[in-house]
């Protein structure tokens, strides 16, 4: 049985990095600086984390803690049980541009993409 596509969330700034986790759709709202989650039908929209330096890729450690790419400062942030964000990895000495998407494997290894250039100076 096929279903027709339907908009379940609107008025987002720039949503990306969608992930399905624990029965919810998780995504980064890039320009709003927010990681959000919602039920499949778009209800129960929750702010999961505020990331000032633009959130992107999402993943989870084996213990359930959320990892979030913080693009502009080239860090991976980890959300602790109390909701606070901590630096999980600082890639600023390695990355040649903004970080972007990420995938985390079952062992908790995070693989992070990088633009390879600074978007602010591209002609």
PDB file of N, CA and C in Angstrom:
ATOM      1  N   UNK A   1       0.838  -1.176   0.000  1.00  0.00           N
ATOM      2  CA  UNK A   1       0.000   0.000   0.000  1.00  0.00           C
ATOM      3  C   UNK A   1       0.887   1.244   0.000  1.00  0.00           C
ATOM      4  N   UNK A   2       0.777   2.059  -1.011  1.00  0.00           N
ATOM      5  CA  UNK A   2       1.541   3.296  -1.114  1.00  0.00           C
ATOM      6  C   UNK A   2       0.785   4.434  -0.441  1.00  0.00           C
ATOM      7  N   UNK A   3       1.537   5.324   0.159  1.00  0.00           N
ATOM      8  CA  UNK A   3       0.932   6.510   0.739  1.00  0.00           C
ATOM      9  C   UNK A   3       1.456   7.736   0.020  1.00  0.00           C
ATOM     10  N   UNK A   4       0.674   8.766   0.000  1.00  0.00           N
ATOM     11  CA  UNK A   4       1.079  10.018  -0.620  1.00  0.00           C
ATOM     12  C   UNK A   4       2.008  10.787   0.319  1.00  0.00           C
ATOM     13  N   UNK A   5       3.032  11.434  -0.226  1.00  0.00           N
ATOM     14  CA  UNK A   5       3.894  12.260   0.622  1.00  0.00           C
ATOM     15  C   UNK A   5       3.078  13.393   1.243  1.00  0.00           C
ATOM     16  N   UNK A   6       3.445  13.755   2.447  1.00  0.00           N
ATOM     17  CA  UNK A   6       2.765  14.847   3.142  1.00  0.00           C
ATOM     18  C   UNK A   6       3.773  15.634   3.962  1.00  0.00           C
ATOM     19  N   UNK A   7       3.583  16.922   4.030  1.00  0.00           N
ATOM     20  CA  UNK A   7       4.412  17.774   4.882  1.00  0.00           C
ATOM     21  C   UNK A   7       3.972  17.572   6.317  1.00  0.00           C
ATOM     22  N   UNK A   8       4.916  17.211   7.179  1.00  0.00           N
ATOM     23  CA  UNK A   8       4.573  17.011   8.586  1.00  0.00           C
ATOM     24  C   UNK A   8       5.165  18.106   9.479  1.00  0.00           C
ATOM     25  N   UNK A   9       6.171  18.826   8.986  1.00  0.00           N
ATOM     26  CA  UNK A   9       6.758  19.944   9.709  1.00  0.00           C
ATOM     27  C   UNK A   9       6.999  21.082   8.725  1.00  0.00           C
ATOM     28  N   UNK A  10       6.705  22.289   9.148  1.00  0.00           N
ATOM     29  CA  UNK A  10       6.898  23.457   8.292  1.00  0.00           C
ATOM     30  C   UNK A  10       7.585  24.553   9.105  1.00  0.00           C
ATOM     31  N   UNK A  11       7.907  25.634   8.445  1.00  0.00           N
ATOM     32  CA  UNK A  11       8.499  26.813   9.076  1.00  0.00           C
ATOM     33  C   UNK A  11       9.854  26.530   9.715  1.00  0.00           C
ATOM     34  N   UNK A  12      10.621  25.642   9.094  1.00  0.00           N
ATOM     35  CA  UNK A  12      11.983  25.388   9.537  1.00  0.00           C
ATOM     36  C   UNK A  12      12.912  26.291   8.738  1.00  0.00           C
ATOM     37  N   UNK A  13      14.096  26.552   9.260  1.00  0.00           N
ATOM     38  CA  UNK A  13      15.046  27.425   8.577  1.00  0.00           C
ATOM     39  C   UNK A  13      15.836  26.677   7.508  1.00  0.00           C
ATOM     40  N   UNK A  14      16.469  25.571   7.873  1.00  0.00           N
ATOM     41  CA  UNK A  14      17.237  24.750   6.946  1.00  0.00           C
ATOM     42  C   UNK A  14      17.449  23.404   7.626  1.00  0.00           C
ATOM     43  N   UNK A  15      16.499  22.520   7.463  1.00  0.00           N
ATOM     44  CA  UNK A  15      16.562  21.223   8.127  1.00  0.00           C
ATOM     45  C   UNK A  15      17.447  20.269   7.346  1.00  0.00           C
ATOM     46  N   UNK A  16      18.294  19.539   8.060  1.00  0.00           N
ATOM     47  CA  UNK A  16      19.156  18.554   7.408  1.00  0.00           C
ATOM     48  C   UNK A  16      19.541  17.463   8.395  1.00  0.00           C
ATOM     49  N   UNK A  17      20.261  16.484   7.887  1.00  0.00           N
ATOM     50  CA  UNK A  17      20.769  15.349   8.675  1.00  0.00           C
ATOM     51  C   UNK A  17      19.647  14.578   9.362  1.00  0.00           C
ATOM     52  N   UNK A  18      18.581  14.240   8.646  1.00  0.00           N
ATOM     53  CA  UNK A  18      17.488  13.511   9.301  1.00  0.00           C
ATOM     54  C   UNK A  18      17.932  12.118   9.730  1.00  0.00           C
ATOM     55  N   UNK A  19      17.491  11.735  10.917  1.00  0.00           N
ATOM     56  CA  UNK A  19      17.777  10.405  11.448  1.00  0.00           C
ATOM     57  C   UNK A  19      16.519   9.893  12.145  1.00  0.00           C
ATOM     58  N   UNK A  20      16.282   8.608  12.026  1.00  0.00           N
ATOM     59  CA  UNK A  20      15.193   7.967  12.742  1.00  0.00           C
ATOM     60  C   UNK A  20      15.809   7.287  13.954  1.00  0.00           C
ATOM     61  N   UNK A  21      15.369   7.649  15.175  1.00  0.00           N
ATOM     62  CA  UNK A  21      15.965   7.099  16.391  1.00  0.00           C
ATOM     63  C   UNK A  21      14.910   7.050  17.489  1.00  0.00           C
ATOM     64  N   UNK A  22      14.770   5.907  18.121  1.00  0.00           N
ATOM     65  CA  UNK A  22      13.829   5.721  19.230  1.00  0.00           C
ATOM     66  C   UNK A  22      12.414   6.178  18.891  1.00  0.00           C
ATOM     67  N   UNK A  23      11.967   5.844  17.694  1.00  0.00           N
ATOM     68  CA  UNK A  23      10.602   6.153  17.293  1.00  0.00           C
ATOM     69  C   UNK A  23      10.334   7.610  16.978  1.00  0.00           C
ATOM     70  N   UNK A  24      11.407   8.380  16.758  1.00  0.00           N
ATOM     71  CA  UNK A  24      11.261   9.803  16.461  1.00  0.00           C
ATOM     72  C   UNK A  24      12.147  10.185  15.288  1.00  0.00           C
ATOM     73  N   UNK A  25      11.726  11.212  14.564  1.00  0.00           N
ATOM     74  CA  UNK A  25      12.542  11.824  13.524  1.00  0.00           C
ATOM     75  C   UNK A  25      13.386  12.907  14.175  1.00  0.00           C
ATOM     76  N   UNK A  26      14.682  12.791  14.047  1.00  0.00           N
ATOM     77  CA  UNK A  26      15.631  13.774  14.575  1.00  0.00           C
ATOM     78  C   UNK A  26      16.242  14.511  13.394  1.00  0.00           C
ATOM     79  N   UNK A  27      16.527  15.798  13.550  1.00  0.00           N
ATOM     80  CA  UNK A  27      17.159  16.566  12.480  1.00  0.00           C
ATOM     81  C   UNK A  27      17.803  17.820  13.058  1.00  0.00           C
ATOM     82  N   UNK A  28      18.729  18.365  12.298  1.00  0.00           N
ATOM     83  CA  UNK A  28      19.340  19.644  12.644  1.00  0.00           C
ATOM     84  C   UNK A  28      18.625  20.733  11.861  1.00  0.00           C
ATOM     85  N   UNK A  29      18.275  21.813  12.534  1.00  0.00           N
ATOM     86  CA  UNK A  29      17.781  23.007  11.848  1.00  0.00           C
ATOM     87  C   UNK A  29      18.959  23.967  11.836  1.00  0.00           C
ATOM     88  N   UNK A  30      19.718  23.858  10.769  1.00  0.00           N
ATOM     89  CA  UNK A  30      21.030  24.454  10.575  1.00  0.00           C
ATOM     90  C   UNK A  30      21.083  25.938  10.951  1.00  0.00           C
ATOM     91  N   UNK A  31      20.279  26.775  10.319  1.00  0.00           N
ATOM     92  CA  UNK A  31      20.355  28.217  10.573  1.00  0.00           C
ATOM     93  C   UNK A  31      19.689  28.623  11.880  1.00  0.00           C
ATOM     94  N   UNK A  32      18.805  27.827  12.418  1.00  0.00           N
ATOM     95  CA  UNK A  32      18.199  28.121  13.718  1.00  0.00           C
ATOM     96  C   UNK A  32      19.121  27.706  14.862  1.00  0.00           C
ATOM     97  N   UNK A  33      20.152  26.906  14.564  1.00  0.00           N
ATOM     98  CA  UNK A  33      21.079  26.446  15.597  1.00  0.00           C
ATOM     99  C   UNK A  33      20.450  25.457  16.556  1.00  0.00           C
ATOM    100  N   UNK A  34      19.556  24.614  16.028  1.00  0.00           N
ATOM    101  CA  UNK A  34      18.823  23.699  16.897  1.00  0.00           C
ATOM    102  C   UNK A  34      18.840  22.271  16.367  1.00  0.00           C
ATOM    103  N   UNK A  35      18.887  21.333  17.288  1.00  0.00           N
ATOM    104  CA  UNK A  35      18.623  19.930  16.982  1.00  0.00           C
ATOM    105  C   UNK A  35      17.227  19.657  17.522  1.00  0.00           C
ATOM    106  N   UNK A  36      16.367  19.133  16.662  1.00  0.00           N
ATOM    107  CA  UNK A  36      14.968  18.915  17.011  1.00  0.00           C
ATOM    108  C   UNK A  36      14.611  17.446  16.814  1.00  0.00           C
ATOM    109  N   UNK A  37      13.512  17.034  17.440  1.00  0.00           N
ATOM    110  CA  UNK A  37      12.940  15.721  17.160  1.00  0.00           C
ATOM    111  C   UNK A  37      11.423  15.856  17.181  1.00  0.00           C
ATOM    112  N   UNK A  38      10.761  14.929  16.477  1.00  0.00           N
ATOM    113  CA  UNK A  38       9.298  14.929  16.410  1.00  0.00           C
ATOM    114  C   UNK A  38       8.822  13.508  16.172  1.00  0.00           C
ATOM    115  N   UNK A  39       7.563  13.287  16.473  1.00  0.00           N
ATOM    116  CA  UNK A  39       6.941  12.016  16.117  1.00  0.00           C
ATOM    117  C   UNK A  39       6.799  11.944  14.601  1.00  0.00           C
ATOM    118  N   UNK A  40       6.508  10.768  14.109  1.00  0.00           N
ATOM    119  CA  UNK A  40       6.387  10.528  12.671  1.00  0.00           C
ATOM    120  C   UNK A  40       5.393  11.479  12.002  1.00  0.00           C
ATOM    121  N   UNK A  41       4.338  11.840  12.702  1.00  0.00           N
ATOM    122  CA  UNK A  41       3.321  12.718  12.119  1.00  0.00           C
ATOM    123  C   UNK A  41       3.631  14.198  12.314  1.00  0.00           C
ATOM    124  N   UNK A  42       4.797  14.521  12.883  1.00  0.00           N
ATOM    125  CA  UNK A  42       5.203  15.899  13.097  1.00  0.00           C
ATOM    126  C   UNK A  42       4.774  16.472  14.435  1.00  0.00           C
ATOM    127  N   UNK A  43       4.016  15.718  15.210  1.00  0.00           N
ATOM    128  CA  UNK A  43       3.577  16.207  16.516  1.00  0.00           C
ATOM    129  C   UNK A  43       4.691  16.059  17.551  1.00  0.00           C
ATOM    130  N   UNK A  44       4.481  16.648  18.698  1.00  0.00           N
ATOM    131  CA  UNK A  44       5.421  16.563  19.814  1.00  0.00           C
ATOM    132  C   UNK A  44       6.826  17.014  19.412  1.00  0.00           C
ATOM    133  N   UNK A  45       6.901  18.157  18.733  1.00  0.00           N
ATOM    134  CA  UNK A  45       8.186  18.723  18.323  1.00  0.00           C
ATOM    135  C   UNK A  45       8.966  19.148  19.561  1.00  0.00           C
ATOM    136  N   UNK A  46      10.210  18.680  19.660  1.00  0.00           N
ATOM    137  CA  UNK A  46      11.047  18.956  20.834  1.00  0.00           C
ATOM    138  C   UNK A  46      12.374  19.576  20.421  1.00  0.00           C
ATOM    139  N   UNK A  47      12.807  20.547  21.195  1.00  0.00           N
ATOM    140  CA  UNK A  47      14.160  21.063  21.078  1.00  0.00           C
ATOM    141  C   UNK A  47      15.057  20.125  21.868  1.00  0.00           C
ATOM    142  N   UNK A  48      15.980  19.459  21.191  1.00  0.00           N
ATOM    143  CA  UNK A  48      16.872  18.497  21.844  1.00  0.00           C
ATOM    144  C   UNK A  48      18.200  19.125  22.249  1.00  0.00           C
ATOM    145  N   UNK A  49      18.664  20.115  21.479  1.00  0.00           N
ATOM    146  CA  UNK A  49      19.928  20.780  21.794  1.00  0.00           C
ATOM    147  C   UNK A  49      20.014  22.078  21.013  1.00  0.00           C
ATOM    148  N   UNK A  50      20.632  23.084  21.621  1.00  0.00           N
ATOM    149  CA  UNK A  50      20.936  24.341  20.942  1.00  0.00           C
ATOM    150  C   UNK A  50      22.434  24.356  20.667  1.00  0.00           C
ATOM    151  N   UNK A  51      22.790  24.568  19.399  1.00  0.00           N
ATOM    152  CA  UNK A  51      24.193  24.531  18.974  1.00  0.00           C
ATOM    153  C   UNK A  51      24.492  25.838  18.243  1.00  0.00           C
ATOM    154  N   UNK A  52      25.188  26.744  18.907  1.00  0.00           N
ATOM    155  CA  UNK A  52      25.420  28.092  18.385  1.00  0.00           C
ATOM    156  C   UNK A  52      26.223  28.122  17.091  1.00  0.00           C
ATOM    157  N   UNK A  53      27.120  27.156  16.902  1.00  0.00           N
ATOM    158  CA  UNK A  53      27.997  27.172  15.724  1.00  0.00           C
ATOM    159  C   UNK A  53      27.485  26.271  14.596  1.00  0.00           C
ATOM    160  N   UNK A  54      26.213  26.194  14.453  1.00  0.00           N
ATOM    161  CA  UNK A  54      25.474  25.488  13.408  1.00  0.00           C
ATOM    162  C   UNK A  54      25.589  23.963  13.490  1.00  0.00           C
ATOM    163  N   UNK A  55      24.518  23.331  13.905  1.00  0.00           N
ATOM    164  CA  UNK A  55      24.501  21.869  13.976  1.00  0.00           C
ATOM    165  C   UNK A  55      24.354  21.253  12.600  1.00  0.00           C
ATOM    166  N   UNK A  56      24.881  20.059  12.459  1.00  0.00           N
ATOM    167  CA  UNK A  56      24.706  19.311  11.216  1.00  0.00           C
ATOM    168  C   UNK A  56      24.488  17.852  11.567  1.00  0.00           C
ATOM    169  N   UNK A  57      25.443  16.977  11.213  1.00  0.00           N
ATOM    170  CA  UNK A  57      25.265  15.545  11.378  1.00  0.00           C
ATOM    171  C   UNK A  57      24.947  15.115  12.805  1.00  0.00           C
ATOM    172  N   UNK A  58      24.181  14.031  12.902  1.00  0.00           N
ATOM    173  CA  UNK A  58      23.759  13.480  14.185  1.00  0.00           C
ATOM    174  C   UNK A  58      24.092  11.999  14.258  1.00  0.00           C
ATOM    175  N   UNK A  59      24.312  11.509  15.459  1.00  0.00           N
ATOM    176  CA  UNK A  59      24.527  10.079  15.683  1.00  0.00           C
ATOM    177  C   UNK A  59      24.442   9.799  17.169  1.00  0.00           C
ATOM    178  N   UNK A  60      24.476   8.515  17.515  1.00  0.00           N
ATOM    179  CA  UNK A  60      24.345   8.119  18.911  1.00  0.00           C
ATOM    180  C   UNK A  60      25.452   7.160  19.293  1.00  0.00           C
ATOM    181  N   UNK A  61      25.978   7.350  20.492  1.00  0.00           N
ATOM    182  CA  UNK A  61      26.953   6.425  21.055  1.00  0.00           C
ATOM    183  C   UNK A  61      26.237   5.164  21.514  1.00  0.00           C
ATOM    184  N   UNK A  62      26.962   4.067  21.706  1.00  0.00           N
ATOM    185  CA  UNK A  62      26.330   2.825  22.159  1.00  0.00           C
ATOM    186  C   UNK A  62      25.544   2.978  23.467  1.00  0.00           C
ATOM    187  N   UNK A  63      25.933   3.927  24.318  1.00  0.00           N
ATOM    188  CA  UNK A  63      25.211   4.133  25.582  1.00  0.00           C
ATOM    189  C   UNK A  63      23.998   5.049  25.434  1.00  0.00           C
ATOM    190  N   UNK A  64      23.705   5.490  24.195  1.00  0.00           N
ATOM    191  CA  UNK A  64      22.515   6.291  23.931  1.00  0.00           C
ATOM    192  C   UNK A  64      22.722   7.791  23.897  1.00  0.00           C
ATOM    193  N   UNK A  65      23.916   8.269  24.231  1.00  0.00           N
ATOM    194  CA  UNK A  65      24.141   9.713  24.196  1.00  0.00           C
ATOM    195  C   UNK A  65      24.233  10.207  22.753  1.00  0.00           C
ATOM    196  N   UNK A  66      23.644  11.372  22.530  1.00  0.00           N
ATOM    197  CA  UNK A  66      23.605  12.007  21.215  1.00  0.00           C
ATOM    198  C   UNK A  66      24.936  12.680  20.905  1.00  0.00           C
ATOM    199  N   UNK A  67      25.413  12.509  19.673  1.00  0.00           N
ATOM    200  CA  UNK A  67      26.538  13.284  19.155  1.00  0.00           C
ATOM    201  C   UNK A  67      26.004  14.232  18.092  1.00  0.00           C
ATOM    202  N   UNK A  68      26.534  15.459  18.072  1.00  0.00           N
ATOM    203  CA  UNK A  68      26.113  16.479  17.119  1.00  0.00           C
ATOM    204  C   UNK A  68      27.345  17.145  16.530  1.00  0.00           C
ATOM    205  N   UNK A  69      27.376  17.282  15.214  1.00  0.00           N
ATOM    206  CA  UNK A  69      28.429  18.060  14.568  1.00  0.00           C
ATOM    207  C   UNK A  69      28.144  19.538  14.807  1.00  0.00           C
ATOM    208  N   UNK A  70      29.141  20.263  15.294  1.00  0.00           N
ATOM    209  CA  UNK A  70      29.090  21.713  15.401  1.00  0.00           C
ATOM    210  C   UNK A  70      29.975  22.234  14.276  1.00  0.00           C
ATOM    211  N   UNK A  71      29.337  22.679  13.196  1.00  0.00           N
ATOM    212  CA  UNK A  71      30.030  22.920  11.928  1.00  0.00           C
ATOM    213  C   UNK A  71      31.130  23.967  11.991  1.00  0.00           C
ATOM    214  N   UNK A  72      30.765  25.171  12.415  1.00  0.00           N
ATOM    215  CA  UNK A  72      31.690  26.297  12.253  1.00  0.00           C
ATOM    216  C   UNK A  72      32.880  26.253  13.194  1.00  0.00           C
ATOM    217  N   UNK A  73      32.747  25.647  14.365  1.00  0.00           N
ATOM    218  CA  UNK A  73      33.908  25.557  15.255  1.00  0.00           C
ATOM    219  C   UNK A  73      34.594  24.191  15.166  1.00  0.00           C
ATOM    220  N   UNK A  74      34.125  23.360  14.238  1.00  0.00           N
ATOM    221  CA  UNK A  74      34.770  22.091  13.901  1.00  0.00           C
ATOM    222  C   UNK A  74      34.899  21.153  15.104  1.00  0.00           C
ATOM    223  N   UNK A  75      33.778  21.018  15.811  1.00  0.00           N
ATOM    224  CA  UNK A  75      33.759  20.141  16.982  1.00  0.00           C
ATOM    225  C   UNK A  75      32.612  19.140  16.880  1.00  0.00           C
ATOM    226  N   UNK A  76      32.780  18.041  17.585  1.00  0.00           N
ATOM    227  CA  UNK A  76      31.701  17.089  17.793  1.00  0.00           C
ATOM    228  C   UNK A  76      31.276  17.270  19.248  1.00  0.00           C
ATOM    229  N   UNK A  77      29.992  17.527  19.447  1.00  0.00           N
ATOM    230  CA  UNK A  77      29.462  17.721  20.790  1.00  0.00           C
ATOM    231  C   UNK A  77      28.715  16.469  21.236  1.00  0.00           C
ATOM    232  N   UNK A  78      28.703  16.237  22.523  1.00  0.00           N
ATOM    233  CA  UNK A  78      28.027  15.083  23.114  1.00  0.00           C
ATOM    234  C   UNK A  78      27.012  15.597  24.132  1.00  0.00           C
ATOM    235  N   UNK A  79      25.781  15.134  24.015  1.00  0.00           N
ATOM    236  CA  UNK A  79      24.759  15.527  24.983  1.00  0.00           C
ATOM    237  C   UNK A  79      24.757  14.538  26.140  1.00  0.00           C
ATOM    238  N   UNK A  80      24.958  15.079  27.326  1.00  0.00           N
ATOM    239  CA  UNK A  80      24.989  14.261  28.538  1.00  0.00           C
ATOM    240  C   UNK A  80      23.567  14.004  29.030  1.00  0.00           C
ATOM    241  N   UNK A  81      23.432  13.122  30.005  1.00  0.00           N
ATOM    242  CA  UNK A  81      22.125  12.736  30.534  1.00  0.00           C
ATOM    243  C   UNK A  81      21.350  13.929  31.081  1.00  0.00           C
ATOM    244  N   UNK A  82      22.056  14.957  31.580  1.00  0.00           N
ATOM    245  CA  UNK A  82      21.379  16.136  32.123  1.00  0.00           C
ATOM    246  C   UNK A  82      21.024  17.155  31.044  1.00  0.00           C
ATOM    247  N   UNK A  83      21.321  16.829  29.772  1.00  0.00           N
ATOM    248  CA  UNK A  83      21.007  17.724  28.655  1.00  0.00           C
ATOM    249  C   UNK A  83      22.128  18.665  28.275  1.00  0.00           C
ATOM    250  N   UNK A  84      23.172  18.744  29.077  1.00  0.00           N
ATOM    251  CA  UNK A  84      24.283  19.639  28.760  1.00  0.00           C
ATOM    252  C   UNK A  84      25.093  19.090  27.586  1.00  0.00           C
ATOM    253  N   UNK A  85      25.747  20.004  26.867  1.00  0.00           N
ATOM    254  CA  UNK A  85      26.608  19.618  25.753  1.00  0.00           C
ATOM    255  C   UNK A  85      28.063  19.737  26.177  1.00  0.00           C
ATOM    256  N   UNK A  86      28.851  18.737  25.842  1.00  0.00           N
ATOM    257  CA  UNK A  86      30.286  18.706  26.120  1.00  0.00           C
ATOM    258  C   UNK A  86      31.020  18.438  24.812  1.00  0.00           C
ATOM    259  N   UNK A  87      32.260  18.893  24.719  1.00  0.00           N
ATOM    260  CA  UNK A  87      33.069  18.603  23.537  1.00  0.00           C
ATOM    261  C   UNK A  87      33.471  17.136  23.592  1.00  0.00           C
ATOM    262  N   UNK A  88      33.095  16.402  22.569  1.00  0.00           N
ATOM    263  CA  UNK A  88      33.459  14.995  22.440  1.00  0.00           C
ATOM    264  C   UNK A  88      34.767  14.883  21.647  1.00  0.00           C
ATOM    265  N   UNK A  89      34.907  15.724  20.631  1.00  0.00           N
ATOM    266  CA  UNK A  89      36.132  15.757  19.824  1.00  0.00           C
ATOM    267  C   UNK A  89      36.282  17.145  19.224  1.00  0.00           C
ATOM    268  N   UNK A  90      37.485  17.677  19.271  1.00  0.00           N
ATOM    269  CA  UNK A  90      37.810  18.958  18.643  1.00  0.00           C
ATOM    270  C   UNK A  90      38.636  18.654  17.400  1.00  0.00           C
ATOM    271  N   UNK A  91      38.046  18.889  16.225  1.00  0.00           N
ATOM    272  CA  UNK A  91      38.706  18.572  14.962  1.00  0.00           C
ATOM    273  C   UNK A  91      39.283  19.807  14.281  1.00  0.00           C
ATOM    274  N   UNK A  92      39.335  20.924  14.997  1.00  0.00           N
ATOM    275  CA  UNK A  92      39.778  22.182  14.386  1.00  0.00           C
ATOM    276  C   UNK A  92      41.223  22.122  13.893  1.00  0.00           C
ATOM    277  N   UNK A  93      42.044  21.292  14.489  1.00  0.00           N
ATOM    278  CA  UNK A  93      43.424  21.151  14.031  1.00  0.00           C
ATOM    279  C   UNK A  93      43.565  20.234  12.828  1.00  0.00           C
ATOM    280  N   UNK A  94      42.495  19.555  12.448  1.00  0.00           N
ATOM    281  CA  UNK A  94      42.533  18.598  11.343  1.00  0.00           C
ATOM    282  C   UNK A  94      41.702  19.022  10.139  1.00  0.00           C
ATOM    283  N   UNK A  95      40.573  19.674  10.393  1.00  0.00           N
ATOM    284  CA  UNK A  95      39.631  19.998   9.323  1.00  0.00           C
ATOM    285  C   UNK A  95      40.085  21.235   8.550  1.00  0.00           C
ATOM    286  N   UNK A  96      39.909  21.182   7.231  1.00  0.00           N
ATOM    287  CA  UNK A  96      40.297  22.311   6.391  1.00  0.00           C
ATOM    288  C   UNK A  96      39.112  23.202   6.033  1.00  0.00           C
ATOM    289  N   UNK A  97      37.979  22.955   6.633  1.00  0.00           N
ATOM    290  CA  UNK A  97      36.781  23.764   6.412  1.00  0.00           C
ATOM    291  C   UNK A  97      35.708  23.345   7.382  1.00  0.00           C
ATOM    292  N   UNK A  98      34.494  23.805   7.142  1.00  0.00           N
ATOM    293  CA  UNK A  98      33.380  23.456   8.023  1.00  0.00           C
ATOM    294  C   UNK A  98      33.153  21.950   8.006  1.00  0.00           C
ATOM    295  N   UNK A  99      32.824  21.405   9.171  1.00  0.00           N
ATOM    296  CA  UNK A  99      32.402  20.011   9.231  1.00  0.00           C
ATOM    297  C   UNK A  99      30.977  19.933   8.696  1.00  0.00           C
ATOM    298  N   UNK A 100      30.531  18.726   8.339  1.00  0.00           N
ATOM    299  CA  UNK A 100      29.178  18.602   7.807  1.00  0.00           C
ATOM    300  C   UNK A 100      28.502  17.373   8.387  1.00  0.00           C
ATOM    301  N   UNK A 101      28.219  16.389   7.591  1.00  0.00           N
ATOM    302  CA  UNK A 101      27.441  15.249   8.072  1.00  0.00           C
ATOM    303  C   UNK A 101      28.327  14.256   8.813  1.00  0.00           C
ATOM    304  N   UNK A 102      27.680  13.314   9.483  1.00  0.00           N
ATOM    305  CA  UNK A 102      28.401  12.344  10.298  1.00  0.00           C
ATOM    306  C   UNK A 102      27.578  11.068  10.359  1.00  0.00           C
ATOM    307  N   UNK A 103      28.267   9.953  10.458  1.00  0.00           N
ATOM    308  CA  UNK A 103      27.626   8.675  10.759  1.00  0.00           C
ATOM    309  C   UNK A 103      28.400   8.060  11.918  1.00  0.00           C
ATOM    310  N   UNK A 104      27.684   7.427  12.833  1.00  0.00           N
ATOM    311  CA  UNK A 104      28.301   6.789  13.994  1.00  0.00           C
ATOM    312  C   UNK A 104      27.989   5.302  13.924  1.00  0.00           C
ATOM    313  N   UNK A 105      29.032   4.469  13.995  1.00  0.00           N
ATOM    314  CA  UNK A 105      28.803   3.027  13.898  1.00  0.00           C
ATOM    315  C   UNK A 105      28.417   2.427  15.246  1.00  0.00           C
ATOM    316  N   UNK A 106      28.128   1.149  15.254  1.00  0.00           N
ATOM    317  CA  UNK A 106      27.643   0.457  16.455  1.00  0.00           C
ATOM    318  C   UNK A 106      28.660   0.462  17.594  1.00  0.00           C
ATOM    319  N   UNK A 107      29.944   0.662  17.274  1.00  0.00           N
ATOM    320  CA  UNK A 107      30.984   0.724  18.297  1.00  0.00           C
ATOM    321  C   UNK A 107      31.231   2.144  18.799  1.00  0.00           C
ATOM    322  N   UNK A 108      30.494   3.117  18.259  1.00  0.00           N
ATOM    323  CA  UNK A 108      30.640   4.498  18.696  1.00  0.00           C
ATOM    324  C   UNK A 108      31.686   5.298  17.943  1.00  0.00           C
ATOM    325  N   UNK A 109      32.208   4.743  16.846  1.00  0.00           N
ATOM    326  CA  UNK A 109      33.179   5.490  16.047  1.00  0.00           C
ATOM    327  C   UNK A 109      32.417   6.450  15.148  1.00  0.00           C
ATOM    328  N   UNK A 110      32.793   7.724  15.178  1.00  0.00           N
ATOM    329  CA  UNK A 110      32.135   8.754  14.379  1.00  0.00           C
ATOM    330  C   UNK A 110      32.976   9.068  13.151  1.00  0.00           C
ATOM    331  N   UNK A 111      32.322   9.065  12.007  1.00  0.00           N
ATOM    332  CA  UNK A 111      32.955   9.404  10.731  1.00  0.00           C
ATOM    333  C   UNK A 111      32.317  10.705  10.263  1.00  0.00           C
ATOM    334  N   UNK A 112      33.150  11.745  10.124  1.00  0.00           N
ATOM    335  CA  UNK A 112      32.655  13.099   9.896  1.00  0.00           C
ATOM    336  C   UNK A 112      33.179  13.633   8.578  1.00  0.00           C
ATOM    337  N   UNK A 113      32.290  14.253   7.805  1.00  0.00           N
ATOM    338  CA  UNK A 113      32.683  14.886   6.553  1.00  0.00           C
ATOM    339  C   UNK A 113      33.072  16.339   6.776  1.00  0.00           C
ATOM    340  N   UNK A 114      33.845  16.865   5.826  1.00  0.00           N
ATOM    341  CA  UNK A 114      34.324  18.243   5.892  1.00  0.00           C
ATOM    342  C   UNK A 114      34.198  18.846   4.502  1.00  0.00           C
ATOM    343  N   UNK A 115      33.793  20.103   4.418  1.00  0.00           N
ATOM    344  CA  UNK A 115      33.666  20.761   3.114  1.00  0.00           C
ATOM    345  C   UNK A 115      35.011  20.851   2.396  1.00  0.00           C
ATOM    346  N   UNK A 116      36.101  20.985   3.143  1.00  0.00           N
ATOM    347  CA  UNK A 116      37.422  21.070   2.531  1.00  0.00           C
ATOM    348  C   UNK A 116      37.826  22.482   2.164  1.00  0.00           C
ATOM    349  N   UNK A 117      36.961  23.450   2.439  1.00  0.00           N
ATOM    350  CA  UNK A 117      37.276  24.854   2.182  1.00  0.00           C
ATOM    351  C   UNK A 117      36.399  25.701   3.085  1.00  0.00           C
ATOM    352  N   UNK A 118      36.761  26.967   3.225  1.00  0.00           N
ATOM    353  CA  UNK A 118      36.002  27.881   4.061  1.00  0.00           C
ATOM    354  C   UNK A 118      34.911  28.535   3.212  1.00  0.00           C
ATOM    355  N   UNK A 119      33.662  28.266   3.540  1.00  0.00           N
ATOM    356  CA  UNK A 119      32.532  28.797   2.771  1.00  0.00           C
ATOM    357  C   UNK A 119      32.485  30.320   2.747  1.00  0.00           C
ATOM    358  N   UNK A 120      33.040  30.950   3.774  1.00  0.00           N
ATOM    359  CA  UNK A 120      32.966  32.418   3.863  1.00  0.00           C
ATOM    360  C   UNK A 120      33.869  33.105   2.861  1.00  0.00           C
ATOM    361  N   UNK A 121      34.843  32.402   2.269  1.00  0.00           N
ATOM    362  CA  UNK A 121      35.758  33.072   1.341  1.00  0.00           C
ATOM    363  C   UNK A 121      35.640  32.558  -0.085  1.00  0.00           C
ATOM    364  N   UNK A 122      34.619  31.765  -0.359  1.00  0.00           N
ATOM    365  CA  UNK A 122      34.411  31.275  -1.718  1.00  0.00           C
ATOM    366  C   UNK A 122      33.844  32.414  -2.554  1.00  0.00           C
ATOM    367  N   UNK A 123      34.458  32.695  -3.733  1.00  0.00           N
ATOM    368  CA  UNK A 123      33.969  33.824  -4.566  1.00  0.00           C
ATOM    369  C   UNK A 123      32.581  33.590  -5.091  1.00  0.00           C
TER     370      UNK A 123
END
